[in-house]
C-alpha cells in the first residue's frame, strides 16, 4: 500500500509540475500561433465556456493566446440538435467575423458538427473548420440510449444537469437531451451529413475533401480510454466505451467516426475529455500534451495563411 501511495504521489507531481516547470526551456516563438484569422472554440455536449472558474478548454485558450493567437470561446446549448446549436453559434461567429473577416472554427465532440453547420450555411465567414474527437458518423453510445427504455430517465436527468450547467455558466439556453442524442446517432449523423457533406469521407475510414467553398477542413481524435489513474472521469468513459465492443474509441467516439477533412491523427492516446485537456489537465504522461496539439494546429493554420 505504501508503495502504491508513493507511486500515485509521484505521478501526480509529474503530471502537474512538469508543464509549469518547463517554462525555462520553452523555445517556442512568440508568434507561433499568430493566425491570420481568430480561433473560435466550440464546445461539445454538456459543454460550457467557463463554469465556476474552470474552462471547458482547460488551459487551451490561454496557451494559444500566449503565442500570438486571437481566441474566442463560444457558448451554445449544452444539449440540443446540431442545427439548433449551429443557429445559436451563428450570431457569435457573425459578430467576430465582422471584425476580422473570417474565423477558424475548432469544435470538440458535438462542437465539430456544430461548426460544420456554420461552414454549410455561411462559408463566407469561415476560413477553416477543425473537429476534435467528433462523432461525424454517429456514436454507438447515442444509438444505445436513443429510443431505448432508458431514454426517458436519461432525458430527465440529462436535461436537469444540462440546465444546471447552463445556469452556472450563464448560457440562457433551453436544454433538449433527446434532440442531442438523435443528432449523434448513426441515423441522425447520416441525415446531417447529407445536408452538409463537405469534408466527409466517402469511404468507411478514409479522409474527406481537404477543402470546399473556400473552407479548409481538418480533424484529429483519440483512441485512449483509461489514460490516467488519477482522473476520475476515466471510469465513466471506461463504462461508455463498452458500447464499442472491440472497436477503437475514445470512450464516446469511434476512431473512424472522428475522421473529417484532412486527418491529422486519429489515434492519440487520449480519451474524450483528454482531447480538451480535461479533467483539470490530467492526461497520459506518455502522450503529447493536448495543449501542444492545439498549438501545433494553430501554427499549421498560420503557415497556410489562415
C-alpha atoms as a PDB file:
ATOM      1  CA  UNK A   1       0.000   0.000   0.000  1.00  0.00           C
ATOM      2  CA  UNK A   2       2.836   2.397   0.888  1.00  0.00           C
ATOM      3  CA  UNK A   3       4.479   1.771  -2.486  1.00  0.00           C
ATOM      4  CA  UNK A   4       1.188   2.408  -4.266  1.00  0.00           C
ATOM      5  CA  UNK A   5       0.706   5.713  -2.415  1.00  0.00           C
ATOM      6  CA  UNK A   6       4.239   6.783  -3.277  1.00  0.00           C
ATOM      7  CA  UNK A   7       3.683   5.883  -6.930  1.00  0.00           C
ATOM      8  CA  UNK A   8       0.462   7.895  -7.046  1.00  0.00           C
ATOM      9  CA  UNK A   9       2.129  10.880  -5.405  1.00  0.00           C
ATOM     10  CA  UNK A  10       4.974  10.758  -7.916  1.00  0.00           C
ATOM     11  CA  UNK A  11       2.541  10.507 -10.846  1.00  0.00           C
ATOM     12  CA  UNK A  12       0.567  13.481  -9.544  1.00  0.00           C
ATOM     13  CA  UNK A  13       3.702  15.525  -9.008  1.00  0.00           C
ATOM     14  CA  UNK A  14       4.956  14.844 -12.522  1.00  0.00           C
ATOM     15  CA  UNK A  15       1.547  15.425 -14.131  1.00  0.00           C
ATOM     16  CA  UNK A  16       1.044  18.817 -12.542  1.00  0.00           C
ATOM     17  CA  UNK A  17       4.558  20.132 -12.012  1.00  0.00           C
ATOM     18  CA  UNK A  18       6.185  19.206 -15.318  1.00  0.00           C
ATOM     19  CA  UNK A  19       4.206  21.637 -17.514  1.00  0.00           C
ATOM     20  CA  UNK A  20       4.800  24.555 -15.149  1.00  0.00           C
ATOM     21  CA  UNK A  21       8.463  23.696 -14.717  1.00  0.00           C
ATOM     22  CA  UNK A  22       9.066  23.671 -18.463  1.00  0.00           C
ATOM     23  CA  UNK A  23       8.936  27.449 -18.860  1.00  0.00           C
ATOM     24  CA  UNK A  24      12.693  27.939 -18.706  1.00  0.00           C
ATOM     25  CA  UNK A  25      13.459  25.765 -21.760  1.00  0.00           C
ATOM     26  CA  UNK A  26      10.479  26.878 -23.842  1.00  0.00           C
ATOM     27  CA  UNK A  27      11.878  27.964 -27.206  1.00  0.00           C
ATOM     28  CA  UNK A  28       8.501  28.374 -28.911  1.00  0.00           C
ATOM     29  CA  UNK A  29       8.464  31.611 -30.967  1.00  0.00           C
ATOM     30  CA  UNK A  30       6.194  34.293 -29.546  1.00  0.00           C
ATOM     31  CA  UNK A  31       4.201  34.386 -32.812  1.00  0.00           C
ATOM     32  CA  UNK A  32       3.944  30.592 -33.213  1.00  0.00           C
ATOM     33  CA  UNK A  33       0.100  30.589 -33.051  1.00  0.00           C
ATOM     34  CA  UNK A  34      -0.459  34.018 -34.608  1.00  0.00           C
ATOM     35  CA  UNK A  35      -3.049  33.018 -37.210  1.00  0.00           C
ATOM     36  CA  UNK A  36      -4.438  35.452 -39.762  1.00  0.00           C
ATOM     37  CA  UNK A  37      -7.992  34.825 -38.573  1.00  0.00           C
ATOM     38  CA  UNK A  38      -9.047  34.309 -34.960  1.00  0.00           C
ATOM     39  CA  UNK A  39      -9.601  30.857 -33.497  1.00  0.00           C
ATOM     40  CA  UNK A  40     -13.165  30.255 -32.314  1.00  0.00           C
ATOM     41  CA  UNK A  41     -13.678  27.313 -29.953  1.00  0.00           C
ATOM     42  CA  UNK A  42     -16.996  25.428 -29.957  1.00  0.00           C
ATOM     43  CA  UNK A  43     -17.743  23.100 -27.036  1.00  0.00           C
ATOM     44  CA  UNK A  44     -19.473  19.749 -27.128  1.00  0.00           C
ATOM     45  CA  UNK A  45     -22.335  18.017 -25.339  1.00  0.00           C
ATOM     46  CA  UNK A  46     -22.767  19.076 -21.685  1.00  0.00           C
ATOM     47  CA  UNK A  47     -20.288  21.828 -22.503  1.00  0.00           C
ATOM     48  CA  UNK A  48     -19.845  25.462 -21.491  1.00  0.00           C
ATOM     49  CA  UNK A  49     -17.366  28.272 -21.898  1.00  0.00           C
ATOM     50  CA  UNK A  50     -16.411  28.597 -18.222  1.00  0.00           C
ATOM     51  CA  UNK A  51     -18.037  27.044 -15.160  1.00  0.00           C
ATOM     52  CA  UNK A  52     -17.136  28.031 -11.590  1.00  0.00           C
ATOM     53  CA  UNK A  53     -13.803  29.342 -12.839  1.00  0.00           C
ATOM     54  CA  UNK A  54     -12.980  26.178 -14.806  1.00  0.00           C
ATOM     55  CA  UNK A  55     -12.794  26.461 -18.587  1.00  0.00           C
ATOM     56  CA  UNK A  56     -14.146  23.699 -20.814  1.00  0.00           C
ATOM     57  CA  UNK A  57     -10.993  24.110 -22.926  1.00  0.00           C
ATOM     58  CA  UNK A  58      -8.773  23.728 -19.875  1.00  0.00           C
ATOM     59  CA  UNK A  59      -5.710  25.912 -20.426  1.00  0.00           C
ATOM     60  CA  UNK A  60      -6.020  25.657 -24.213  1.00  0.00           C
ATOM     61  CA  UNK A  61      -7.209  29.185 -25.000  1.00  0.00           C
ATOM     62  CA  UNK A  62      -4.641  30.762 -22.675  1.00  0.00           C
ATOM     63  CA  UNK A  63      -1.835  28.745 -24.222  1.00  0.00           C
ATOM     64  CA  UNK A  64      -2.851  29.709 -27.746  1.00  0.00           C
ATOM     65  CA  UNK A  65      -3.047  33.382 -26.783  1.00  0.00           C
ATOM     66  CA  UNK A  66       0.360  33.203 -25.129  1.00  0.00           C
ATOM     67  CA  UNK A  67       1.956  32.539 -28.517  1.00  0.00           C
ATOM     68  CA  UNK A  68       0.025  35.101 -30.527  1.00  0.00           C
ATOM     69  CA  UNK A  69      -3.443  33.781 -31.382  1.00  0.00           C
ATOM     70  CA  UNK A  70      -6.672  35.707 -31.002  1.00  0.00           C
ATOM     71  CA  UNK A  71      -9.019  33.181 -29.374  1.00  0.00           C
ATOM     72  CA  UNK A  72     -12.745  33.298 -28.660  1.00  0.00           C
ATOM     73  CA  UNK A  73     -14.662  30.717 -26.641  1.00  0.00           C
ATOM     74  CA  UNK A  74     -18.323  30.472 -27.590  1.00  0.00           C
ATOM     75  CA  UNK A  75     -21.331  29.042 -25.794  1.00  0.00           C
ATOM     76  CA  UNK A  76     -24.242  27.175 -27.354  1.00  0.00           C
ATOM     77  CA  UNK A  77     -26.881  24.883 -25.811  1.00  0.00           C
ATOM     78  CA  UNK A  78     -25.193  22.131 -23.847  1.00  0.00           C
ATOM     79  CA  UNK A  79     -27.892  19.788 -25.133  1.00  0.00           C
ATOM     80  CA  UNK A  80     -29.750  20.246 -28.408  1.00  0.00           C
ATOM     81  CA  UNK A  81     -29.708  19.212 -32.045  1.00  0.00           C
ATOM     82  CA  UNK A  82     -26.768  20.020 -34.296  1.00  0.00           C
ATOM     83  CA  UNK A  83     -28.816  22.553 -36.252  1.00  0.00           C
ATOM     84  CA  UNK A  84     -30.184  24.263 -33.105  1.00  0.00           C
ATOM     85  CA  UNK A  85     -26.654  24.515 -31.725  1.00  0.00           C
ATOM     86  CA  UNK A  86     -25.443  25.847 -35.077  1.00  0.00           C
ATOM     87  CA  UNK A  87     -28.117  28.514 -35.124  1.00  0.00           C
ATOM     88  CA  UNK A  88     -27.051  29.585 -31.625  1.00  0.00           C
ATOM     89  CA  UNK A  89     -23.428  29.732 -32.761  1.00  0.00           C
ATOM     90  CA  UNK A  90     -24.093  31.698 -35.942  1.00  0.00           C
ATOM     91  CA  UNK A  91     -24.631  35.182 -34.418  1.00  0.00           C
ATOM     92  CA  UNK A  92     -21.482  34.771 -32.331  1.00  0.00           C
ATOM     93  CA  UNK A  93     -19.468  33.908 -35.446  1.00  0.00           C
ATOM     94  CA  UNK A  94     -21.044  36.791 -37.347  1.00  0.00           C
ATOM     95  CA  UNK A  95     -20.015  39.237 -34.618  1.00  0.00           C
ATOM     96  CA  UNK A  96     -16.409  38.015 -34.619  1.00  0.00           C
ATOM     97  CA  UNK A  97     -16.182  37.849 -38.421  1.00  0.00           C
ATOM     98  CA  UNK A  98     -17.497  41.421 -38.620  1.00  0.00           C
ATOM     99  CA  UNK A  99     -14.211  42.477 -37.022  1.00  0.00           C
ATOM    100  CA  UNK A 100     -11.767  40.010 -38.599  1.00  0.00           C
ATOM    101  CA  UNK A 101     -13.441  38.998 -41.869  1.00  0.00           C
ATOM    102  CA  UNK A 102     -13.409  35.246 -41.176  1.00  0.00           C
ATOM    103  CA  UNK A 103     -12.798  32.753 -38.369  1.00  0.00           C
ATOM    104  CA  UNK A 104     -11.056  29.439 -37.781  1.00  0.00           C
ATOM    105  CA  UNK A 105     -13.611  27.191 -36.082  1.00  0.00           C
ATOM    106  CA  UNK A 106     -12.429  24.382 -33.803  1.00  0.00           C
ATOM    107  CA  UNK A 107     -15.135  22.151 -32.354  1.00  0.00           C
ATOM    108  CA  UNK A 108     -14.834  19.341 -29.836  1.00  0.00           C
ATOM    109  CA  UNK A 109     -17.256  16.405 -29.822  1.00  0.00           C
ATOM    110  CA  UNK A 110     -20.703  17.713 -30.854  1.00  0.00           C
ATOM    111  CA  UNK A 111     -18.961  21.037 -31.448  1.00  0.00           C
ATOM    112  CA  UNK A 112     -17.471  19.585 -34.641  1.00  0.00           C
ATOM    113  CA  UNK A 113     -20.795  19.105 -36.461  1.00  0.00           C
ATOM    114  CA  UNK A 114     -21.966  22.396 -34.936  1.00  0.00           C
ATOM    115  CA  UNK A 115     -19.022  24.162 -36.589  1.00  0.00           C
ATOM    116  CA  UNK A 116     -19.725  22.318 -39.839  1.00  0.00           C
ATOM    117  CA  UNK A 117     -23.217  23.797 -39.822  1.00  0.00           C
ATOM    118  CA  UNK A 118     -21.722  27.298 -39.976  1.00  0.00           C
ATOM    119  CA  UNK A 119     -19.485  26.304 -42.894  1.00  0.00           C
ATOM    120  CA  UNK A 120     -22.547  24.932 -44.659  1.00  0.00           C
ATOM    121  CA  UNK A 121     -24.827  27.969 -44.264  1.00  0.00           C
ATOM    122  CA  UNK A 122     -22.229  30.790 -44.176  1.00  0.00           C
ATOM    123  CA  UNK A 123     -18.978  29.619 -45.784  1.00  0.00           C
ATOM    124  CA  UNK A 124     -18.078  33.240 -46.408  1.00  0.00           C
ATOM    125  CA  UNK A 125     -17.487  33.657 -42.664  1.00  0.00           C
ATOM    126  CA  UNK A 126     -15.236  30.608 -42.255  1.00  0.00           C
ATOM    127  CA  UNK A 127     -11.560  30.100 -43.100  1.00  0.00           C
ATOM    128  CA  UNK A 128     -11.328  26.595 -41.647  1.00  0.00           C
ATOM    129  CA  UNK A 129     -13.221  24.008 -39.633  1.00  0.00           C
ATOM    130  CA  UNK A 130     -11.340  21.618 -37.361  1.00  0.00           C
ATOM    131  CA  UNK A 131     -13.049  18.865 -35.417  1.00  0.00           C
ATOM    132  CA  UNK A 132     -11.565  17.235 -32.334  1.00  0.00           C
ATOM    133  CA  UNK A 133     -12.985  13.873 -31.275  1.00  0.00           C
ATOM    134  CA  UNK A 134     -16.256  14.497 -33.124  1.00  0.00           C
ATOM    135  CA  UNK A 135     -18.739  11.699 -33.959  1.00  0.00           C
ATOM    136  CA  UNK A 136     -19.294  12.632 -37.602  1.00  0.00           C
ATOM    137  CA  UNK A 137     -20.779   9.215 -38.344  1.00  0.00           C
ATOM    138  CA  UNK A 138     -22.558   8.923 -35.005  1.00  0.00           C
ATOM    139  CA  UNK A 139     -21.766   7.182 -31.741  1.00  0.00           C
ATOM    140  CA  UNK A 140     -22.846   3.727 -30.534  1.00  0.00           C
ATOM    141  CA  UNK A 141     -23.447   5.318 -27.128  1.00  0.00           C
ATOM    142  CA  UNK A 142     -26.158   7.555 -28.617  1.00  0.00           C
ATOM    143  CA  UNK A 143     -27.521   4.590 -30.604  1.00  0.00           C
ATOM    144  CA  UNK A 144     -27.766   2.580 -27.399  1.00  0.00           C
ATOM    145  CA  UNK A 145     -29.666   5.228 -25.427  1.00  0.00           C
ATOM    146  CA  UNK A 146     -31.869   6.878 -28.054  1.00  0.00           C
ATOM    147  CA  UNK A 147     -35.205   5.103 -28.404  1.00  0.00           C
ATOM    148  CA  UNK A 148     -34.434   2.698 -25.559  1.00  0.00           C
ATOM    149  CA  UNK A 149     -36.449   2.182 -22.356  1.00  0.00           C
ATOM    150  CA  UNK A 150     -33.762   4.173 -20.564  1.00  0.00           C
ATOM    151  CA  UNK A 151     -34.192   7.232 -22.789  1.00  0.00           C
ATOM    152  CA  UNK A 152     -36.916   8.896 -20.724  1.00  0.00           C
ATOM    153  CA  UNK A 153     -34.939   8.693 -17.487  1.00  0.00           C
ATOM    154  CA  UNK A 154     -31.737   9.733 -19.250  1.00  0.00           C
ATOM    155  CA  UNK A 155     -33.525  12.738 -20.770  1.00  0.00           C
ATOM    156  CA  UNK A 156     -34.894  13.856 -17.408  1.00  0.00           C
ATOM    157  CA  UNK A 157     -31.559  13.559 -15.653  1.00  0.00           C
ATOM    158  CA  UNK A 158     -29.611  14.932 -18.608  1.00  0.00           C
ATOM    159  CA  UNK A 159     -31.814  17.972 -19.077  1.00  0.00           C
ATOM    160  CA  UNK A 160     -31.585  18.730 -15.365  1.00  0.00           C
ATOM    161  CA  UNK A 161     -27.795  18.528 -15.477  1.00  0.00           C
ATOM    162  CA  UNK A 162     -27.637  20.497 -18.725  1.00  0.00           C
ATOM    163  CA  UNK A 163     -29.897  23.154 -17.226  1.00  0.00           C
ATOM    164  CA  UNK A 164     -27.670  23.434 -14.163  1.00  0.00           C
ATOM    165  CA  UNK A 165     -24.553  23.740 -16.333  1.00  0.00           C
ATOM    166  CA  UNK A 166     -26.277  26.404 -18.412  1.00  0.00           C
ATOM    167  CA  UNK A 167     -27.408  28.308 -15.329  1.00  0.00           C
ATOM    168  CA  UNK A 168     -23.992  28.302 -13.687  1.00  0.00           C
ATOM    169  CA  UNK A 169     -22.224  29.268 -16.911  1.00  0.00           C
ATOM    170  CA  UNK A 170     -24.719  31.971 -17.894  1.00  0.00           C
ATOM    171  CA  UNK A 171     -25.788  30.474 -21.200  1.00  0.00           C
ATOM    172  CA  UNK A 172     -29.514  31.182 -21.117  1.00  0.00           C
ATOM    173  CA  UNK A 173     -30.459  28.242 -23.366  1.00  0.00           C
ATOM    174  CA  UNK A 174     -33.134  25.578 -23.118  1.00  0.00           C
ATOM    175  CA  UNK A 175     -31.814  22.009 -22.977  1.00  0.00           C
ATOM    176  CA  UNK A 176     -33.000  19.053 -25.059  1.00  0.00           C
ATOM    177  CA  UNK A 177     -31.081  15.834 -24.489  1.00  0.00           C
ATOM    178  CA  UNK A 178     -33.350  13.812 -26.777  1.00  0.00           C
ATOM    179  CA  UNK A 179     -32.607  16.073 -29.750  1.00  0.00           C
ATOM    180  CA  UNK A 180     -28.926  15.995 -28.902  1.00  0.00           C
ATOM    181  CA  UNK A 181     -28.892  12.198 -28.778  1.00  0.00           C
ATOM    182  CA  UNK A 182     -30.787  11.894 -32.037  1.00  0.00           C
ATOM    183  CA  UNK A 183     -28.278  14.140 -33.808  1.00  0.00           C
ATOM    184  CA  UNK A 184     -25.451  11.926 -32.569  1.00  0.00           C
ATOM    185  CA  UNK A 185     -26.967   8.580 -33.568  1.00  0.00           C
ATOM    186  CA  UNK A 186     -25.777   6.845 -36.713  1.00  0.00           C
ATOM    187  CA  UNK A 187     -29.030   7.759 -38.461  1.00  0.00           C
ATOM    188  CA  UNK A 188     -29.100  11.347 -37.243  1.00  0.00           C
ATOM    189  CA  UNK A 189     -25.493  11.880 -38.275  1.00  0.00           C
ATOM    190  CA  UNK A 190     -26.164  10.422 -41.725  1.00  0.00           C
ATOM    191  CA  UNK A 191     -29.042  12.849 -42.194  1.00  0.00           C
ATOM    192  CA  UNK A 192     -26.850  15.802 -41.211  1.00  0.00           C
ATOM    193  CA  UNK A 193     -24.053  14.581 -43.486  1.00  0.00           C
ATOM    194  CA  UNK A 194     -26.443  14.658 -46.427  1.00  0.00           C
ATOM    195  CA  UNK A 195     -27.212  18.270 -45.520  1.00  0.00           C
ATOM    196  CA  UNK A 196     -23.530  19.188 -45.000  1.00  0.00           C
ATOM    197  CA  UNK A 197     -21.418  16.677 -46.965  1.00  0.00           C
ATOM    198  CA  UNK A 198     -18.314  18.843 -47.403  1.00  0.00           C
ATOM    199  CA  UNK A 199     -15.272  17.255 -45.797  1.00  0.00           C
ATOM    200  CA  UNK A 200     -16.926  13.928 -45.036  1.00  0.00           C
ATOM    201  CA  UNK A 201     -15.051  10.785 -46.102  1.00  0.00           C
ATOM    202  CA  UNK A 202     -16.651   8.745 -48.876  1.00  0.00           C
ATOM    203  CA  UNK A 203     -15.061   5.534 -47.582  1.00  0.00           C
ATOM    204  CA  UNK A 204     -15.598   3.825 -44.239  1.00  0.00           C
ATOM    205  CA  UNK A 205     -12.413   5.106 -42.626  1.00  0.00           C
ATOM    206  CA  UNK A 206     -10.673   7.449 -45.044  1.00  0.00           C
ATOM    207  CA  UNK A 207     -10.186  11.177 -45.365  1.00  0.00           C
ATOM    208  CA  UNK A 208     -12.682  13.663 -46.724  1.00  0.00           C
ATOM    209  CA  UNK A 209     -12.038  16.544 -49.091  1.00  0.00           C
ATOM    210  CA  UNK A 210      -9.474  18.891 -47.581  1.00  0.00           C
ATOM    211  CA  UNK A 211     -11.434  21.965 -48.643  1.00  0.00           C
ATOM    212  CA  UNK A 212     -14.671  23.163 -50.228  1.00  0.00           C
ATOM    213  CA  UNK A 213     -16.221  26.571 -50.872  1.00  0.00           C
ATOM    214  CA  UNK A 214     -13.024  28.254 -49.740  1.00  0.00           C
ATOM    215  CA  UNK A 215     -13.055  26.500 -46.338  1.00  0.00           C
ATOM    216  CA  UNK A 216     -10.309  24.104 -45.212  1.00  0.00           C
ATOM    217  CA  UNK A 217     -11.147  21.012 -43.154  1.00  0.00           C
ATOM    218  CA  UNK A 218      -9.087  19.192 -40.508  1.00  0.00           C
ATOM    219  CA  UNK A 219      -9.651  16.653 -37.745  1.00  0.00           C
ATOM    220  CA  UNK A 220      -7.946  14.686 -35.003  1.00  0.00           C
ATOM    221  CA  UNK A 221      -9.053  12.351 -32.244  1.00  0.00           C
ATOM    222  CA  UNK A 222      -8.009   9.760 -29.714  1.00  0.00           C
ATOM    223  CA  UNK A 223      -8.295   6.053 -29.042  1.00  0.00           C
ATOM    224  CA  UNK A 224      -7.330   6.011 -25.386  1.00  0.00           C
ATOM    225  CA  UNK A 225      -9.861   5.365 -22.630  1.00  0.00           C
ATOM    226  CA  UNK A 226      -8.129   4.696 -19.313  1.00  0.00           C
ATOM    227  CA  UNK A 227      -5.241   7.129 -19.610  1.00  0.00           C
ATOM    228  CA  UNK A 228      -4.533   8.417 -16.102  1.00  0.00           C
ATOM    229  CA  UNK A 229      -5.245   6.552 -12.872  1.00  0.00           C
ATOM    230  CA  UNK A 230      -5.773   9.848 -11.049  1.00  0.00           C
ATOM    231  CA  UNK A 231      -8.529  11.065 -13.389  1.00  0.00           C
ATOM    232  CA  UNK A 232     -11.974  10.088 -12.012  1.00  0.00           C
ATOM    233  CA  UNK A 233     -13.633  10.684 -15.397  1.00  0.00           C
ATOM    234  CA  UNK A 234     -11.735   7.709 -16.840  1.00  0.00           C
ATOM    235  CA  UNK A 235     -14.070   5.328 -15.020  1.00  0.00           C
ATOM    236  CA  UNK A 236     -17.131   6.838 -16.720  1.00  0.00           C
ATOM    237  CA  UNK A 237     -15.508   6.707 -20.149  1.00  0.00           C
ATOM    238  CA  UNK A 238     -14.379   3.160 -19.480  1.00  0.00           C
ATOM    239  CA  UNK A 239     -18.024   2.257 -18.976  1.00  0.00           C
ATOM    240  CA  UNK A 240     -19.314   4.039 -22.079  1.00  0.00           C
ATOM    241  CA  UNK A 241     -16.520   2.506 -24.173  1.00  0.00           C
ATOM    242  CA  UNK A 242     -18.165  -0.897 -23.708  1.00  0.00           C
ATOM    243  CA  UNK A 243     -20.752   0.173 -26.320  1.00  0.00           C
ATOM    244  CA  UNK A 244     -17.993  -0.078 -28.965  1.00  0.00           C
ATOM    245  CA  UNK A 245     -17.112  -3.712 -28.375  1.00  0.00           C
ATOM    246  CA  UNK A 246     -13.625  -4.264 -29.775  1.00  0.00           C
ATOM    247  CA  UNK A 247     -13.577  -1.148 -31.991  1.00  0.00           C
ATOM    248  CA  UNK A 248     -11.060   1.561 -31.117  1.00  0.00           C
ATOM    249  CA  UNK A 249     -12.613   4.608 -29.466  1.00  0.00           C
ATOM    250  CA  UNK A 250     -12.034   7.437 -27.002  1.00  0.00           C
ATOM    251  CA  UNK A 251     -14.864   6.385 -24.706  1.00  0.00           C
ATOM    252  CA  UNK A 252     -17.594   8.164 -26.690  1.00  0.00           C
ATOM    253  CA  UNK A 253     -16.409   8.401 -30.311  1.00  0.00           C
ATOM    254  CA  UNK A 254     -15.036   5.701 -32.603  1.00  0.00           C
ATOM    255  CA  UNK A 255     -11.720   6.087 -34.403  1.00  0.00           C
ATOM    256  CA  UNK A 256     -13.175   6.238 -37.900  1.00  0.00           C
ATOM    257  CA  UNK A 257     -16.117   8.399 -36.865  1.00  0.00           C
ATOM    258  CA  UNK A 258     -13.743  11.210 -35.898  1.00  0.00           C
ATOM    259  CA  UNK A 259     -12.464  11.485 -39.494  1.00  0.00           C
ATOM    260  CA  UNK A 260     -13.238  14.749 -41.271  1.00  0.00           C
ATOM    261  CA  UNK A 261     -11.299  16.540 -43.998  1.00  0.00           C
ATOM    262  CA  UNK A 262      -7.532  16.174 -43.593  1.00  0.00           C
ATOM    263  CA  UNK A 263      -6.971  13.716 -40.748  1.00  0.00           C
ATOM    264  CA  UNK A 264      -4.037  14.975 -38.716  1.00  0.00           C
ATOM    265  CA  UNK A 265      -4.086  11.943 -36.451  1.00  0.00           C
ATOM    266  CA  UNK A 266      -6.872   9.635 -35.284  1.00  0.00           C
ATOM    267  CA  UNK A 267      -5.213   7.621 -32.533  1.00  0.00           C
ATOM    268  CA  UNK A 268      -3.730   9.881 -29.891  1.00  0.00           C
ATOM    269  CA  UNK A 269      -3.621   8.057 -26.557  1.00  0.00           C
ATOM    270  CA  UNK A 270      -6.311  10.383 -25.271  1.00  0.00           C
ATOM    271  CA  UNK A 271      -9.865   9.804 -24.173  1.00  0.00           C
ATOM    272  CA  UNK A 272     -12.777  12.086 -24.967  1.00  0.00           C
ATOM    273  CA  UNK A 273     -12.003  14.530 -22.163  1.00  0.00           C
ATOM    274  CA  UNK A 274      -8.220  14.397 -22.540  1.00  0.00           C
ATOM    275  CA  UNK A 275      -8.733  15.877 -26.012  1.00  0.00           C
ATOM    276  CA  UNK A 276      -9.618  19.225 -24.373  1.00  0.00           C
ATOM    277  CA  UNK A 277      -7.127  18.784 -21.515  1.00  0.00           C
ATOM    278  CA  UNK A 278      -9.732  17.605 -19.010  1.00  0.00           C
ATOM    279  CA  UNK A 279     -10.214  16.701 -16.307  1.00  0.00           C
ATOM    280  CA  UNK A 280      -8.140  19.570 -14.926  1.00  0.00           C
ATOM    281  CA  UNK A 281      -5.140  18.819 -17.092  1.00  0.00           C
ATOM    282  CA  UNK A 282      -4.846  15.147 -16.117  1.00  0.00           C
ATOM    283  CA  UNK A 283      -3.914  13.060 -19.155  1.00  0.00           C
ATOM    284  CA  UNK A 284      -1.464  10.352 -20.095  1.00  0.00           C
ATOM    285  CA  UNK A 285       2.162  11.099 -19.275  1.00  0.00           C
ATOM    286  CA  UNK A 286       3.134   9.063 -22.341  1.00  0.00           C
ATOM    287  CA  UNK A 287       1.317  11.148 -24.952  1.00  0.00           C
ATOM    288  CA  UNK A 288       1.675  14.670 -26.324  1.00  0.00           C
ATOM    289  CA  UNK A 289       0.202  17.348 -24.082  1.00  0.00           C
ATOM    290  CA  UNK A 290      -3.243  18.223 -25.544  1.00  0.00           C
ATOM    291  CA  UNK A 291      -2.349  21.921 -25.387  1.00  0.00           C
ATOM    292  CA  UNK A 292       0.650  21.249 -27.618  1.00  0.00           C
ATOM    293  CA  UNK A 293      -1.596  19.586 -30.198  1.00  0.00           C
ATOM    294  CA  UNK A 294      -3.709  22.733 -30.365  1.00  0.00           C
ATOM    295  CA  UNK A 295      -0.632  24.944 -30.624  1.00  0.00           C
ATOM    296  CA  UNK A 296       0.775  22.833 -33.437  1.00  0.00           C
ATOM    297  CA  UNK A 297      -2.504  23.096 -35.277  1.00  0.00           C
ATOM    298  CA  UNK A 298      -2.657  26.868 -34.868  1.00  0.00           C
ATOM    299  CA  UNK A 299       0.833  27.007 -36.352  1.00  0.00           C
ATOM    300  CA  UNK A 300      -0.383  24.783 -39.181  1.00  0.00           C
ATOM    301  CA  UNK A 301      -3.181  27.239 -39.903  1.00  0.00           C
ATOM    302  CA  UNK A 302      -0.720  30.124 -39.700  1.00  0.00           C
ATOM    303  CA  UNK A 303       1.625  28.505 -42.194  1.00  0.00           C
ATOM    304  CA  UNK A 304      -1.134  28.194 -44.822  1.00  0.00           C
ATOM    305  CA  UNK A 305      -2.204  31.794 -44.383  1.00  0.00           C
ATOM    306  CA  UNK A 306      -5.269  31.203 -42.248  1.00  0.00           C
END
